[in-house]
Amino acid sequence: MHRRIGFIIAIAITAIVAVCGVIHAYRQYIANSPTIEPDANLYPIRGIDISAHNGVIDFEKVKNAGYQFAIIKATEGTDFKDAMFIDNLRQARQAGLKVGAYHFFRFDTDGYLQALNLLHSLRHRKLDFPIAIDIERFGNPDGHQASIIISRLQDMITCLEKEGVDIILYSNKDDYDKYLKGKFDNYPLWICTFTEPEPNLNWDIWQYSHRGKIDGIKGDVDLNTIKTEFYRSF
C-alpha cells in the first residue's frame, strides 16, 4: 500500500515538473521573445493581426496610433469560425484600415473541407489582401507526416483557387523550411520572425512581434509590417 502511494506521489511530482517546464519554456521563448522594430525608412507601413482572443477593439484608436491594416482570423480547421470575424472586419474597415483575413490550418483534417469552411465565412466578401493560410506546428497535434500535411494544404489551395481566391501563406522560419520552401514558392509569403528576415527570403509581410502594445487593444497584439509595393498592389 505504501509503495503504491509512493508511486502515485512520484507520478504527481513528475507531472508538476513537466507543467512547470512548459510554463518556463513559454516564458523564456514566447512571452519573453525579443522585440525588434523594423527600420521605418525601409518598412513604414504597420499593421496588426487579430482574432476573438484580442477582445473588443477600438479600431479608431488603432488607426490613430499609426496602424494601417488589420488581418483578421476567420476560421480554423473544418468547422471553427471566429466569433468576432464579421464585427472585426466591419469595424476595422469603418475606421479606415485596409483589411485581410486568415485561416489557421489544421494538420489533422481534410484540406478540401477546410477550404469550404473558410469560403462559407468569407461569402465572397471583398478584402484588400490575399487570404492568408497560417501553417505552423504550434497549436497543431504531433504525429502527422510532412507529406500528408503538404498534400492537405495543396488540396485546400486548389479548392480556394477554383473559387477565385488569391492566397498568401503564413509561417515561421522553421515551418517554412519544413512545409513550404521549394513547394509553394509561387505564393506570397507572410513570415513570422523576431529577427531580421534572411536576405534571401522572399517575403511580403513580416510579423515581427507577438507582444505589441497599442492604444485601443487590451493586452498583447501581433505586429506586422508589409512591403510597400505589395501593400500598394491591392
Protein backbone atom coordinates (compact mmCIF):
# COMPACT_ATOMS: atom_id res chain seq x y z
CA MET A 1 0.00 0.00 0.00
CA HIS A 2 2.78 2.41 0.95
CA ARG A 3 4.65 1.54 -2.22
CA ARG A 4 1.54 2.30 -4.29
CA ILE A 5 1.06 5.66 -2.57
CA GLY A 6 4.72 6.46 -3.15
CA PHE A 7 4.35 5.56 -6.84
CA ILE A 8 1.31 7.85 -7.20
CA ILE A 9 3.15 10.69 -5.47
CA ALA A 10 6.12 10.21 -7.80
CA ILE A 11 3.84 10.41 -10.85
CA ALA A 12 2.20 13.56 -9.49
CA ILE A 13 5.59 15.19 -8.89
CA THR A 14 6.71 14.26 -12.41
CA ALA A 15 3.55 15.81 -13.87
CA ILE A 16 4.05 19.00 -11.86
CA VAL A 17 7.66 19.26 -13.00
CA ALA A 18 6.56 18.78 -16.62
CA VAL A 19 3.92 21.52 -16.34
CA CYS A 20 6.44 23.85 -14.73
CA GLY A 21 8.81 23.10 -17.59
CA VAL A 22 6.18 24.03 -20.16
CA ILE A 23 5.41 27.27 -18.31
CA HIS A 24 9.11 28.07 -18.10
CA ALA A 25 9.59 27.40 -21.80
CA TYR A 26 6.65 29.62 -22.65
CA ARG A 27 8.01 32.45 -20.54
CA GLN A 28 11.52 32.06 -21.88
CA TYR A 29 10.89 31.53 -25.56
CA ILE A 30 7.48 33.01 -26.32
CA ALA A 31 6.41 35.52 -23.70
CA ASN A 32 9.97 36.84 -23.43
CA SER A 33 10.81 36.63 -27.10
CA PRO A 34 12.94 39.59 -28.21
CA THR A 35 11.18 42.57 -29.73
CA ILE A 36 12.59 44.13 -32.87
CA GLU A 37 11.38 47.33 -34.50
CA PRO A 38 11.76 47.18 -38.30
CA ASP A 39 13.50 50.13 -39.92
CA ALA A 40 10.74 52.66 -40.55
CA ASN A 41 12.61 54.05 -43.54
CA LEU A 42 12.58 50.66 -45.23
CA TYR A 43 9.22 49.42 -43.90
CA PRO A 44 6.99 52.37 -42.98
CA ILE A 45 3.65 50.54 -43.12
CA ARG A 46 2.45 48.88 -39.93
CA GLY A 47 -0.49 46.59 -39.19
CA ILE A 48 -1.94 44.05 -36.78
CA ASP A 49 -3.36 40.56 -36.98
CA ILE A 50 -6.12 39.68 -34.56
CA SER A 51 -8.74 37.14 -33.52
CA ALA A 52 -11.52 36.92 -30.96
CA HIS A 53 -8.96 36.36 -28.20
CA ASN A 54 -7.96 40.04 -28.53
CA GLY A 55 -11.41 41.04 -27.30
CA VAL A 56 -13.33 44.13 -28.36
CA ILE A 57 -11.03 46.50 -30.23
CA ASP A 58 -11.32 50.26 -30.71
CA PHE A 59 -10.13 50.41 -34.31
CA GLU A 60 -10.31 54.20 -34.41
CA LYS A 61 -7.61 54.30 -31.74
CA VAL A 62 -5.60 51.70 -33.62
CA LYS A 63 -5.80 53.84 -36.75
CA ASN A 64 -4.87 56.98 -34.83
CA ALA A 65 -1.85 55.15 -33.39
CA GLY A 66 -0.46 54.91 -36.91
CA TYR A 67 -1.51 51.42 -37.97
CA GLN A 68 -2.82 50.99 -41.48
CA PHE A 69 -4.10 47.43 -41.84
CA ALA A 70 -5.63 44.53 -39.92
CA ILE A 71 -5.59 40.86 -40.89
CA ILE A 72 -8.44 39.13 -39.08
CA LYS A 73 -8.95 35.50 -38.17
CA ALA A 74 -11.90 33.96 -39.99
CA THR A 75 -11.71 30.21 -39.48
CA GLU A 76 -9.73 27.21 -38.25
CA GLY A 77 -9.85 23.65 -39.45
CA THR A 78 -13.06 22.27 -40.92
CA ASP A 79 -15.64 23.68 -38.53
CA PHE A 80 -14.34 26.51 -36.32
CA LYS A 81 -15.45 30.05 -37.13
CA ASP A 82 -14.02 33.01 -35.23
CA ALA A 83 -16.86 34.67 -33.31
CA MET A 84 -15.52 38.19 -33.89
CA PHE A 85 -14.62 37.91 -37.57
CA ILE A 86 -17.55 39.82 -39.06
CA ASP A 87 -17.57 42.56 -36.39
CA ASN A 88 -13.80 43.00 -36.57
CA LEU A 89 -13.89 43.16 -40.35
CA ARG A 90 -16.68 45.73 -40.44
CA GLN A 91 -15.29 47.96 -37.67
CA ALA A 92 -11.72 47.89 -38.98
CA ARG A 93 -12.90 48.92 -42.42
CA GLN A 94 -15.10 51.67 -40.97
CA ALA A 95 -12.05 53.03 -39.16
CA GLY A 96 -10.20 53.31 -42.46
CA LEU A 97 -7.90 50.32 -42.15
CA LYS A 98 -7.15 48.00 -45.04
CA VAL A 99 -8.41 44.54 -44.13
CA GLY A 100 -7.50 40.93 -44.77
CA ALA A 101 -8.49 37.54 -43.35
CA TYR A 102 -6.66 34.40 -42.28
CA HIS A 103 -7.39 30.72 -41.69
CA PHE A 104 -5.49 28.58 -39.18
CA PHE A 105 -4.59 25.38 -41.00
CA ARG A 106 -5.11 22.16 -39.07
CA PHE A 107 -2.70 19.32 -39.78
CA ASP A 108 -5.21 16.64 -38.77
CA THR A 109 -8.16 17.46 -41.01
CA ASP A 110 -9.02 17.38 -44.71
CA GLY A 111 -7.75 20.34 -46.74
CA TYR A 112 -10.75 20.49 -49.06
CA LEU A 113 -13.15 20.66 -46.11
CA GLN A 114 -11.03 23.39 -44.52
CA ALA A 115 -11.38 25.39 -47.72
CA LEU A 116 -15.16 25.01 -47.61
CA ASN A 117 -15.25 26.23 -44.02
CA LEU A 118 -13.24 29.32 -44.96
CA LEU A 119 -15.31 30.03 -48.07
CA HIS A 120 -18.50 29.78 -46.03
CA SER A 121 -17.24 32.52 -43.70
CA LEU A 122 -15.85 34.73 -46.46
CA ARG A 123 -19.06 34.63 -48.52
CA HIS A 124 -17.34 36.45 -51.41
CA ARG A 125 -16.57 39.49 -49.24
CA LYS A 126 -14.14 41.84 -50.92
CA LEU A 127 -10.89 42.18 -48.95
CA ASP A 128 -7.78 44.25 -49.52
CA PHE A 129 -5.20 41.44 -49.39
CA PRO A 130 -4.95 37.80 -50.45
CA ILE A 131 -6.43 35.34 -47.96
CA ALA A 132 -3.77 34.06 -45.56
CA ILE A 133 -3.36 30.41 -44.59
CA ASP A 134 -1.48 30.00 -41.31
CA ILE A 135 0.77 26.90 -41.39
CA GLU A 136 2.64 26.18 -38.16
CA ARG A 137 3.23 23.32 -35.74
CA PHE A 138 2.38 25.41 -32.67
CA GLY A 139 -1.29 24.72 -31.93
CA ASN A 140 -1.33 21.57 -34.06
CA PRO A 141 -1.12 17.92 -32.94
CA ASP A 142 2.06 15.91 -33.41
CA GLY A 143 2.31 12.71 -35.39
CA HIS A 144 1.40 13.85 -38.90
CA GLN A 145 3.89 13.30 -41.70
CA ALA A 146 5.04 16.37 -43.58
CA SER A 147 3.97 14.80 -46.89
CA ILE A 148 0.39 14.42 -45.63
CA ILE A 149 0.29 18.00 -44.34
CA ILE A 150 1.64 19.33 -47.64
CA SER A 151 -0.92 17.29 -49.59
CA ARG A 152 -3.79 18.58 -47.45
CA LEU A 153 -2.54 22.14 -47.84
CA GLN A 154 -2.39 21.73 -51.60
CA ASP A 155 -5.96 20.40 -51.60
CA MET A 156 -7.11 23.47 -49.69
CA ILE A 157 -5.31 25.87 -52.01
CA THR A 158 -6.65 24.12 -55.12
CA CYS A 159 -10.21 24.44 -53.87
CA LEU A 160 -9.80 28.11 -52.98
CA GLU A 161 -8.20 28.98 -56.30
CA LYS A 162 -11.06 27.34 -58.18
CA GLU A 163 -13.28 29.88 -56.42
CA GLY A 164 -11.03 32.76 -57.48
CA VAL A 165 -9.41 33.30 -54.07
CA ASP A 166 -5.88 34.71 -54.01
CA ILE A 167 -3.57 33.19 -51.39
CA ILE A 168 -0.72 34.27 -49.13
CA LEU A 169 0.97 31.70 -46.88
CA TYR A 170 1.96 32.46 -43.27
CA SER A 171 4.58 30.56 -41.31
CA ASN A 172 7.59 30.88 -39.02
CA LYS A 173 11.10 30.19 -40.28
CA ASP A 174 11.31 26.56 -39.15
CA ASP A 175 7.90 25.55 -40.50
CA TYR A 176 8.50 27.49 -43.70
CA ASP A 177 11.57 25.32 -44.28
CA LYS A 178 9.68 22.13 -43.38
CA TYR A 179 6.42 22.61 -45.27
CA LEU A 180 6.63 25.48 -47.76
CA LYS A 181 10.14 26.08 -49.10
CA GLY A 182 10.58 24.69 -52.58
CA LYS A 183 6.95 23.54 -52.70
CA PHE A 184 4.85 26.70 -52.61
CA ASP A 185 7.37 29.32 -53.74
CA ASN A 186 4.96 30.85 -56.24
CA TYR A 187 2.76 32.21 -53.43
CA PRO A 188 3.39 35.41 -51.45
CA LEU A 189 4.90 34.77 -48.01
CA TRP A 190 3.93 36.21 -44.63
CA ILE A 191 6.85 35.33 -42.37
CA CYS A 192 6.95 35.32 -38.58
CA THR A 193 10.41 36.07 -37.18
CA PHE A 194 11.66 38.12 -34.26
CA THR A 195 14.91 38.88 -36.03
CA GLU A 196 15.55 40.49 -39.42
CA PRO A 197 14.36 38.10 -42.16
CA GLU A 198 17.17 36.38 -44.01
CA PRO A 199 18.27 38.36 -47.09
CA ASN A 200 17.44 35.51 -49.49
CA LEU A 201 13.92 35.05 -48.10
CA ASN A 202 11.33 36.50 -50.48
CA TRP A 203 8.66 37.74 -48.05
CA ASP A 204 5.83 40.28 -48.43
CA ILE A 205 4.51 40.62 -44.86
CA TRP A 206 6.69 40.33 -41.76
CA GLN A 207 5.18 39.58 -38.35
CA TYR A 208 7.87 40.89 -36.04
CA SER A 209 6.24 40.76 -32.58
CA HIS A 210 3.62 38.87 -30.57
CA ARG A 211 3.79 41.39 -27.73
CA GLY A 212 2.71 44.67 -29.23
CA LYS A 213 1.02 47.29 -27.07
CA ILE A 214 -1.46 49.52 -28.89
CA ASP A 215 -4.00 52.01 -27.62
CA GLY A 216 -7.44 50.52 -28.29
CA ILE A 217 -6.41 46.89 -27.68
CA LYS A 218 -6.24 45.28 -24.25
CA GLY A 219 -3.23 43.03 -23.79
CA ASP A 220 -0.65 41.94 -26.34
CA VAL A 221 -1.25 42.01 -30.07
CA ASP A 222 0.70 40.73 -33.07
CA LEU A 223 2.53 43.44 -35.02
CA ASN A 224 3.39 43.35 -38.70
CA THR A 225 4.98 45.36 -41.45
CA ILE A 226 4.38 44.95 -45.16
CA LYS A 227 6.48 45.76 -48.17
CA THR A 228 5.24 48.98 -49.71
CA GLU A 229 4.98 47.60 -53.24
CA PHE A 230 2.89 44.67 -52.03
CA TYR A 231 0.64 46.94 -49.97
CA ARG A 232 0.02 49.24 -52.92
CA SER A 233 -0.68 46.39 -55.34
CA PHE A 234 -4.14 45.78 -53.86
